[in-house]
Amino acid sequence: MSQCQIWVDPKTNVPGQPMRVLNIAGPQQRVTAARRLIQDKMELQESLYNSPTGQVASDGNVKETIYIPDVWVGAVIGKGGSVIKSIMQQSGARIFIHGETPAGQLDRPVTISGPFQFVQAAKQLVLQRIPEQQNPPPLPHQ
């Protein structure tokens, strides 16, 4: 970790108030590192607060579920899983496409997990496989 002393100013620790003052004490290089860690954590929490499906595990990894049209699942998986494997390799995130579309639904849940930046990269790569107009993919030539 940062090896600094970090504490909340007791004068600003008022229930119901959104702002707190954090004090960080230590060598300048360590204070800078601590500040960066705190900012990263705050950005992660803010992004998850704004995402109804986001969850943070105890190890700091994120799990997010998105929904893709069932007709496009094959395009995201690819022949023999080639596309999904490539997306996982490029992003560093783990991707789980649920086996069946829930009854009465047209979209299939896709759960992406890993460090926040990896999850965001994987999510973008998955969504790039689905055109905005969401027409079904063409049938393969026989």
N, C-alpha and C. Protein backbone atom coordinates (compact mmCIF):
# COMPACT_ATOMS: atom_id res chain seq x y z
N MET A 1 0.82 -1.19 0.00
CA MET A 1 0.00 0.00 0.00
C MET A 1 0.86 1.25 0.00
N SER A 2 0.32 2.37 0.42
CA SER A 2 1.02 3.64 0.27
C SER A 2 2.02 3.92 1.40
N GLN A 3 1.87 3.26 2.53
CA GLN A 3 2.73 3.46 3.71
C GLN A 3 2.66 4.91 4.21
N CYS A 4 1.47 5.49 4.15
CA CYS A 4 1.21 6.84 4.68
C CYS A 4 0.18 6.74 5.79
N GLN A 5 0.11 7.80 6.56
CA GLN A 5 -0.99 7.91 7.53
C GLN A 5 -2.12 8.66 6.84
N ILE A 6 -3.32 8.08 6.89
CA ILE A 6 -4.48 8.69 6.25
C ILE A 6 -5.60 8.70 7.28
N TRP A 7 -6.23 9.88 7.47
CA TRP A 7 -7.34 9.95 8.41
C TRP A 7 -8.33 11.01 7.96
N VAL A 8 -9.58 10.81 8.37
CA VAL A 8 -10.65 11.77 8.06
C VAL A 8 -10.62 12.85 9.12
N ASP A 9 -10.64 14.09 8.69
CA ASP A 9 -10.69 15.22 9.63
C ASP A 9 -12.00 15.11 10.40
N PRO A 10 -11.92 14.95 11.73
CA PRO A 10 -13.16 14.74 12.52
C PRO A 10 -14.16 15.88 12.40
N LYS A 11 -13.71 17.08 12.09
CA LYS A 11 -14.62 18.22 11.94
C LYS A 11 -15.50 18.07 10.70
N THR A 12 -15.03 17.29 9.73
CA THR A 12 -15.81 17.14 8.49
C THR A 12 -16.57 15.83 8.44
N ASN A 13 -16.44 15.00 9.45
CA ASN A 13 -17.13 13.71 9.48
C ASN A 13 -18.53 13.89 10.07
N VAL A 14 -19.40 14.53 9.29
CA VAL A 14 -20.74 14.85 9.74
C VAL A 14 -21.73 13.97 9.00
N PRO A 15 -22.53 13.16 9.74
CA PRO A 15 -23.52 12.30 9.07
C PRO A 15 -24.43 13.13 8.17
N GLY A 16 -24.71 12.59 6.99
CA GLY A 16 -25.60 13.27 6.05
C GLY A 16 -24.89 14.25 5.13
N GLN A 17 -23.64 14.56 5.42
CA GLN A 17 -22.86 15.46 4.57
C GLN A 17 -22.03 14.63 3.61
N PRO A 18 -22.06 14.92 2.31
CA PRO A 18 -21.36 14.08 1.34
C PRO A 18 -19.84 14.28 1.30
N MET A 19 -19.35 15.39 1.78
CA MET A 19 -17.92 15.69 1.66
C MET A 19 -17.19 15.43 2.98
N ARG A 20 -15.99 14.90 2.86
CA ARG A 20 -15.10 14.67 3.99
C ARG A 20 -13.72 15.21 3.59
N VAL A 21 -12.94 15.63 4.56
CA VAL A 21 -11.57 16.04 4.31
C VAL A 21 -10.66 14.92 4.78
N LEU A 22 -9.85 14.42 3.86
CA LEU A 22 -8.87 13.39 4.19
C LEU A 22 -7.52 14.05 4.38
N ASN A 23 -6.83 13.67 5.42
CA ASN A 23 -5.46 14.12 5.65
C ASN A 23 -4.53 12.97 5.32
N ILE A 24 -3.47 13.28 4.59
CA ILE A 24 -2.49 12.27 4.22
C ILE A 24 -1.13 12.79 4.66
N ALA A 25 -0.43 11.99 5.47
CA ALA A 25 0.89 12.39 5.96
C ALA A 25 1.92 11.34 5.61
N GLY A 26 3.09 11.80 5.19
CA GLY A 26 4.18 10.92 4.83
C GLY A 26 5.09 11.59 3.83
N PRO A 27 6.10 10.87 3.35
CA PRO A 27 6.99 11.44 2.33
C PRO A 27 6.19 11.80 1.07
N GLN A 28 6.61 12.88 0.39
CA GLN A 28 5.86 13.41 -0.75
C GLN A 28 5.53 12.35 -1.80
N GLN A 29 6.50 11.50 -2.13
CA GLN A 29 6.28 10.46 -3.14
C GLN A 29 5.19 9.49 -2.69
N ARG A 30 5.20 9.15 -1.40
CA ARG A 30 4.19 8.23 -0.86
C ARG A 30 2.82 8.91 -0.78
N VAL A 31 2.80 10.20 -0.43
CA VAL A 31 1.54 10.94 -0.36
C VAL A 31 0.90 11.00 -1.75
N THR A 32 1.71 11.23 -2.77
CA THR A 32 1.22 11.26 -4.15
C THR A 32 0.62 9.90 -4.53
N ALA A 33 1.31 8.82 -4.16
CA ALA A 33 0.81 7.48 -4.46
C ALA A 33 -0.50 7.22 -3.72
N ALA A 34 -0.56 7.62 -2.45
CA ALA A 34 -1.78 7.42 -1.66
C ALA A 34 -2.95 8.20 -2.26
N ARG A 35 -2.67 9.40 -2.67
CA ARG A 35 -3.71 10.25 -3.26
C ARG A 35 -4.25 9.60 -4.55
N ARG A 36 -3.35 9.06 -5.36
CA ARG A 36 -3.75 8.39 -6.60
C ARG A 36 -4.62 7.17 -6.29
N LEU A 37 -4.24 6.39 -5.28
CA LEU A 37 -5.03 5.21 -4.91
C LEU A 37 -6.43 5.61 -4.44
N ILE A 38 -6.50 6.67 -3.67
CA ILE A 38 -7.79 7.15 -3.17
C ILE A 38 -8.66 7.63 -4.33
N GLN A 39 -8.06 8.39 -5.26
CA GLN A 39 -8.82 8.89 -6.41
C GLN A 39 -9.32 7.73 -7.28
N ASP A 40 -8.47 6.73 -7.50
CA ASP A 40 -8.88 5.57 -8.29
C ASP A 40 -10.07 4.87 -7.64
N LYS A 41 -9.99 4.70 -6.33
CA LYS A 41 -11.08 4.04 -5.59
C LYS A 41 -12.37 4.85 -5.68
N MET A 42 -12.26 6.16 -5.56
CA MET A 42 -13.44 7.01 -5.64
C MET A 42 -14.06 6.96 -7.04
N GLU A 43 -13.22 6.95 -8.08
CA GLU A 43 -13.73 6.85 -9.45
C GLU A 43 -14.43 5.52 -9.68
N LEU A 44 -13.85 4.46 -9.15
CA LEU A 44 -14.47 3.14 -9.28
C LEU A 44 -15.82 3.12 -8.60
N GLN A 45 -15.90 3.64 -7.38
CA GLN A 45 -17.17 3.66 -6.65
C GLN A 45 -18.20 4.50 -7.38
N GLU A 46 -17.78 5.64 -7.92
CA GLU A 46 -18.71 6.50 -8.65
C GLU A 46 -19.25 5.80 -9.89
N SER A 47 -18.39 5.12 -10.62
CA SER A 47 -18.85 4.43 -11.83
C SER A 47 -19.81 3.30 -11.48
N LEU A 48 -19.54 2.61 -10.39
CA LEU A 48 -20.44 1.53 -9.98
C LEU A 48 -21.75 2.07 -9.45
N TYR A 49 -21.70 3.22 -8.77
CA TYR A 49 -22.92 3.85 -8.27
C TYR A 49 -23.84 4.20 -9.44
N ASN A 50 -23.23 4.61 -10.56
CA ASN A 50 -24.00 4.99 -11.74
C ASN A 50 -24.40 3.80 -12.60
N SER A 51 -23.91 2.59 -12.27
CA SER A 51 -24.23 1.40 -13.04
C SER A 51 -25.10 0.48 -12.19
N PRO A 52 -26.36 0.24 -12.60
CA PRO A 52 -27.25 -0.57 -11.78
C PRO A 52 -26.81 -2.02 -11.65
N THR A 53 -25.94 -2.50 -12.54
CA THR A 53 -25.55 -3.90 -12.48
C THR A 53 -24.15 -4.11 -11.93
N GLY A 54 -23.44 -3.04 -11.61
CA GLY A 54 -22.06 -3.18 -11.16
C GLY A 54 -21.95 -3.68 -9.74
N GLN A 55 -20.96 -4.53 -9.49
CA GLN A 55 -20.68 -5.04 -8.15
C GLN A 55 -19.18 -5.07 -7.96
N VAL A 56 -18.73 -4.81 -6.73
CA VAL A 56 -17.30 -4.88 -6.44
C VAL A 56 -17.06 -6.04 -5.49
N ALA A 57 -16.12 -6.92 -5.84
CA ALA A 57 -15.75 -8.04 -4.98
C ALA A 57 -14.76 -7.55 -3.94
N SER A 58 -14.52 -8.36 -2.92
CA SER A 58 -13.62 -7.97 -1.84
C SER A 58 -12.19 -7.77 -2.34
N ASP A 59 -11.83 -8.39 -3.47
CA ASP A 59 -10.48 -8.21 -4.00
C ASP A 59 -10.38 -7.00 -4.92
N GLY A 60 -11.45 -6.21 -5.02
CA GLY A 60 -11.44 -5.01 -5.84
C GLY A 60 -11.87 -5.24 -7.28
N ASN A 61 -12.07 -6.50 -7.67
CA ASN A 61 -12.54 -6.78 -9.02
C ASN A 61 -14.00 -6.40 -9.15
N VAL A 62 -14.40 -6.16 -10.38
CA VAL A 62 -15.76 -5.73 -10.68
C VAL A 62 -16.48 -6.84 -11.43
N LYS A 63 -17.76 -6.96 -11.19
CA LYS A 63 -18.59 -7.89 -11.95
C LYS A 63 -19.77 -7.07 -12.47
N GLU A 64 -19.95 -7.10 -13.79
CA GLU A 64 -21.03 -6.34 -14.41
C GLU A 64 -21.77 -7.25 -15.38
N THR A 65 -23.10 -7.15 -15.37
CA THR A 65 -23.92 -7.93 -16.29
C THR A 65 -24.54 -6.99 -17.30
N ILE A 66 -24.33 -7.33 -18.58
CA ILE A 66 -24.97 -6.59 -19.67
C ILE A 66 -25.90 -7.56 -20.38
N TYR A 67 -26.75 -7.06 -21.24
CA TYR A 67 -27.70 -7.90 -21.97
C TYR A 67 -27.52 -7.66 -23.46
N ILE A 68 -27.40 -8.76 -24.21
CA ILE A 68 -27.25 -8.65 -25.66
C ILE A 68 -28.40 -9.39 -26.33
N PRO A 69 -28.82 -8.92 -27.51
CA PRO A 69 -29.90 -9.61 -28.21
C PRO A 69 -29.52 -11.07 -28.46
N ASP A 70 -30.45 -11.95 -28.19
CA ASP A 70 -30.20 -13.39 -28.32
C ASP A 70 -29.71 -13.77 -29.71
N VAL A 71 -30.23 -13.08 -30.74
CA VAL A 71 -29.84 -13.41 -32.11
C VAL A 71 -28.38 -13.07 -32.40
N TRP A 72 -27.74 -12.28 -31.56
CA TRP A 72 -26.35 -11.88 -31.77
C TRP A 72 -25.37 -12.63 -30.88
N VAL A 73 -25.83 -13.56 -30.07
CA VAL A 73 -24.94 -14.31 -29.19
C VAL A 73 -23.89 -15.06 -29.99
N GLY A 74 -24.28 -15.68 -31.09
CA GLY A 74 -23.33 -16.42 -31.92
C GLY A 74 -22.22 -15.53 -32.46
N ALA A 75 -22.56 -14.29 -32.82
CA ALA A 75 -21.55 -13.36 -33.33
C ALA A 75 -20.56 -12.96 -32.25
N VAL A 76 -21.03 -12.92 -31.01
CA VAL A 76 -20.15 -12.57 -29.89
C VAL A 76 -19.27 -13.77 -29.51
N ILE A 77 -19.82 -14.97 -29.60
CA ILE A 77 -19.04 -16.17 -29.26
C ILE A 77 -18.05 -16.49 -30.38
N GLY A 78 -18.51 -16.46 -31.63
CA GLY A 78 -17.65 -16.79 -32.77
C GLY A 78 -17.51 -18.29 -32.96
N LYS A 79 -17.00 -18.68 -34.11
CA LYS A 79 -16.83 -20.10 -34.44
C LYS A 79 -15.85 -20.73 -33.46
N GLY A 80 -16.30 -21.77 -32.77
CA GLY A 80 -15.46 -22.47 -31.80
C GLY A 80 -15.07 -21.60 -30.62
N GLY A 81 -15.80 -20.50 -30.39
CA GLY A 81 -15.48 -19.61 -29.28
C GLY A 81 -14.35 -18.64 -29.58
N SER A 82 -13.98 -18.52 -30.86
CA SER A 82 -12.81 -17.71 -31.24
C SER A 82 -12.97 -16.23 -30.89
N VAL A 83 -14.15 -15.68 -31.10
CA VAL A 83 -14.35 -14.24 -30.84
C VAL A 83 -14.32 -13.95 -29.35
N ILE A 84 -15.05 -14.72 -28.58
CA ILE A 84 -15.11 -14.47 -27.14
C ILE A 84 -13.73 -14.68 -26.50
N LYS A 85 -12.99 -15.68 -26.97
CA LYS A 85 -11.63 -15.91 -26.46
C LYS A 85 -10.74 -14.72 -26.79
N SER A 86 -10.87 -14.19 -27.99
CA SER A 86 -10.09 -13.04 -28.40
C SER A 86 -10.42 -11.81 -27.55
N ILE A 87 -11.70 -11.60 -27.30
CA ILE A 87 -12.13 -10.46 -26.47
C ILE A 87 -11.55 -10.60 -25.06
N MET A 88 -11.61 -11.81 -24.50
CA MET A 88 -11.06 -12.01 -23.15
C MET A 88 -9.55 -11.78 -23.14
N GLN A 89 -8.88 -12.23 -24.20
CA GLN A 89 -7.43 -12.07 -24.27
C GLN A 89 -7.06 -10.60 -24.44
N GLN A 90 -7.77 -9.88 -25.29
CA GLN A 90 -7.49 -8.46 -25.53
C GLN A 90 -7.75 -7.61 -24.29
N SER A 91 -8.85 -7.89 -23.61
CA SER A 91 -9.27 -7.05 -22.48
C SER A 91 -8.68 -7.48 -21.16
N GLY A 92 -8.41 -8.77 -20.99
CA GLY A 92 -7.95 -9.28 -19.71
C GLY A 92 -9.09 -9.63 -18.76
N ALA A 93 -10.33 -9.39 -19.18
CA ALA A 93 -11.50 -9.69 -18.34
C ALA A 93 -12.00 -11.10 -18.63
N ARG A 94 -12.79 -11.63 -17.69
CA ARG A 94 -13.46 -12.92 -17.88
C ARG A 94 -14.88 -12.62 -18.33
N ILE A 95 -15.39 -13.41 -19.27
CA ILE A 95 -16.74 -13.20 -19.80
C ILE A 95 -17.51 -14.51 -19.73
N PHE A 96 -18.71 -14.44 -19.18
CA PHE A 96 -19.57 -15.60 -19.09
C PHE A 96 -20.90 -15.27 -19.77
N ILE A 97 -21.20 -15.98 -20.85
CA ILE A 97 -22.48 -15.81 -21.54
C ILE A 97 -23.41 -16.88 -21.00
N HIS A 98 -24.49 -16.45 -20.38
CA HIS A 98 -25.43 -17.38 -19.77
C HIS A 98 -26.03 -18.30 -20.82
N GLY A 99 -26.30 -19.54 -20.44
CA GLY A 99 -26.71 -20.59 -21.36
C GLY A 99 -28.01 -20.37 -22.10
N GLU A 100 -28.97 -19.74 -21.48
CA GLU A 100 -30.26 -19.56 -22.13
C GLU A 100 -30.79 -18.17 -21.86
N THR A 101 -31.58 -17.69 -22.80
CA THR A 101 -32.26 -16.42 -22.61
C THR A 101 -33.42 -16.66 -21.64
N PRO A 102 -33.56 -15.82 -20.60
CA PRO A 102 -34.67 -16.02 -19.67
C PRO A 102 -36.02 -16.01 -20.39
N ALA A 103 -36.96 -16.81 -19.91
CA ALA A 103 -38.28 -16.93 -20.52
C ALA A 103 -38.92 -15.55 -20.69
N GLY A 104 -39.46 -15.32 -21.86
CA GLY A 104 -40.14 -14.06 -22.14
C GLY A 104 -39.21 -12.91 -22.47
N GLN A 105 -37.91 -13.16 -22.54
CA GLN A 105 -36.93 -12.11 -22.83
C GLN A 105 -36.35 -12.30 -24.23
N LEU A 106 -35.86 -11.24 -24.80
CA LEU A 106 -35.19 -11.30 -26.10
C LEU A 106 -33.68 -11.13 -25.97
N ASP A 107 -33.23 -10.75 -24.77
CA ASP A 107 -31.82 -10.49 -24.53
C ASP A 107 -31.23 -11.51 -23.58
N ARG A 108 -29.96 -11.84 -23.81
CA ARG A 108 -29.28 -12.83 -22.96
C ARG A 108 -28.29 -12.12 -22.05
N PRO A 109 -28.25 -12.52 -20.76
CA PRO A 109 -27.29 -11.91 -19.85
C PRO A 109 -25.86 -12.36 -20.16
N VAL A 110 -24.94 -11.39 -20.06
CA VAL A 110 -23.52 -11.64 -20.24
C VAL A 110 -22.83 -11.02 -19.03
N THR A 111 -22.13 -11.82 -18.25
CA THR A 111 -21.46 -11.32 -17.06
C THR A 111 -19.97 -11.17 -17.35
N ILE A 112 -19.45 -9.98 -17.08
CA ILE A 112 -18.04 -9.66 -17.32
C ILE A 112 -17.41 -9.34 -15.97
N SER A 113 -16.25 -9.94 -15.69
CA SER A 113 -15.61 -9.69 -14.40
C SER A 113 -14.11 -9.50 -14.56
N GLY A 114 -13.55 -8.78 -13.59
CA GLY A 114 -12.12 -8.48 -13.57
C GLY A 114 -11.90 -7.08 -13.05
N PRO A 115 -10.68 -6.57 -13.16
CA PRO A 115 -10.43 -5.17 -12.77
C PRO A 115 -11.30 -4.23 -13.60
N PHE A 116 -11.68 -3.11 -13.02
CA PHE A 116 -12.62 -2.18 -13.63
C PHE A 116 -12.27 -1.84 -15.08
N GLN A 117 -11.01 -1.47 -15.34
CA GLN A 117 -10.62 -1.08 -16.69
C GLN A 117 -10.76 -2.25 -17.66
N PHE A 118 -10.47 -3.46 -17.21
CA PHE A 118 -10.59 -4.65 -18.06
C PHE A 118 -12.05 -4.90 -18.41
N VAL A 119 -12.92 -4.75 -17.41
CA VAL A 119 -14.36 -4.97 -17.63
C VAL A 119 -14.90 -3.95 -18.63
N GLN A 120 -14.49 -2.70 -18.50
CA GLN A 120 -14.96 -1.67 -19.43
C GLN A 120 -14.49 -1.96 -20.85
N ALA A 121 -13.23 -2.40 -20.99
CA ALA A 121 -12.69 -2.73 -22.31
C ALA A 121 -13.45 -3.91 -22.93
N ALA A 122 -13.70 -4.95 -22.14
CA ALA A 122 -14.42 -6.13 -22.63
C ALA A 122 -15.85 -5.76 -23.02
N LYS A 123 -16.49 -4.95 -22.21
CA LYS A 123 -17.85 -4.53 -22.49
C LYS A 123 -17.91 -3.80 -23.84
N GLN A 124 -16.96 -2.91 -24.07
CA GLN A 124 -16.91 -2.18 -25.33
C GLN A 124 -16.69 -3.13 -26.51
N LEU A 125 -15.79 -4.09 -26.35
CA LEU A 125 -15.52 -5.05 -27.43
C LEU A 125 -16.73 -5.93 -27.73
N VAL A 126 -17.44 -6.35 -26.68
CA VAL A 126 -18.65 -7.16 -26.89
C VAL A 126 -19.71 -6.33 -27.62
N LEU A 127 -19.92 -5.12 -27.17
CA LEU A 127 -20.97 -4.29 -27.76
C LEU A 127 -20.64 -3.88 -29.19
N GLN A 128 -19.35 -3.83 -29.54
CA GLN A 128 -18.97 -3.53 -30.92
C GLN A 128 -19.40 -4.63 -31.88
N ARG A 129 -19.62 -5.82 -31.37
CA ARG A 129 -20.04 -6.94 -32.22
C ARG A 129 -21.51 -6.86 -32.59
N ILE A 130 -22.26 -5.96 -31.95
CA ILE A 130 -23.70 -5.85 -32.17
C ILE A 130 -24.00 -4.52 -32.83
N PRO A 131 -24.46 -4.54 -34.09
CA PRO A 131 -24.77 -3.27 -34.75
C PRO A 131 -25.93 -2.56 -34.05
N GLU A 132 -25.94 -1.24 -34.18
CA GLU A 132 -26.97 -0.46 -33.50
C GLU A 132 -28.38 -0.80 -33.93
N GLN A 133 -28.58 -1.12 -35.22
CA GLN A 133 -29.93 -1.44 -35.68
C GLN A 133 -30.36 -2.84 -35.24
N GLN A 134 -29.41 -3.64 -34.78
CA GLN A 134 -29.66 -4.97 -34.23
C GLN A 134 -30.40 -5.91 -35.16
N ASN A 135 -30.10 -5.85 -36.47
CA ASN A 135 -30.66 -6.84 -37.39
C ASN A 135 -29.95 -8.16 -37.11
N PRO A 136 -30.64 -9.27 -37.34
CA PRO A 136 -29.97 -10.55 -37.10
C PRO A 136 -28.79 -10.73 -38.04
N PRO A 137 -27.78 -11.47 -37.61
CA PRO A 137 -26.62 -11.69 -38.47
C PRO A 137 -27.01 -12.51 -39.68
N PRO A 138 -26.25 -12.36 -40.79
CA PRO A 138 -26.59 -13.16 -41.97
C PRO A 138 -26.34 -14.63 -41.71
N LEU A 139 -27.12 -15.47 -42.40
CA LEU A 139 -26.93 -16.91 -42.27
C LEU A 139 -25.65 -17.31 -43.01
N PRO A 140 -24.91 -18.29 -42.49
CA PRO A 140 -23.69 -18.71 -43.17
C PRO A 140 -24.03 -19.35 -44.52
N HIS A 141 -23.13 -19.20 -45.50
CA HIS A 141 -23.32 -19.80 -46.81
C HIS A 141 -23.13 -21.31 -46.70
N GLN A 142 -23.96 -22.02 -47.42
CA GLN A 142 -23.85 -23.49 -47.35
C GLN A 142 -23.23 -24.03 -48.60
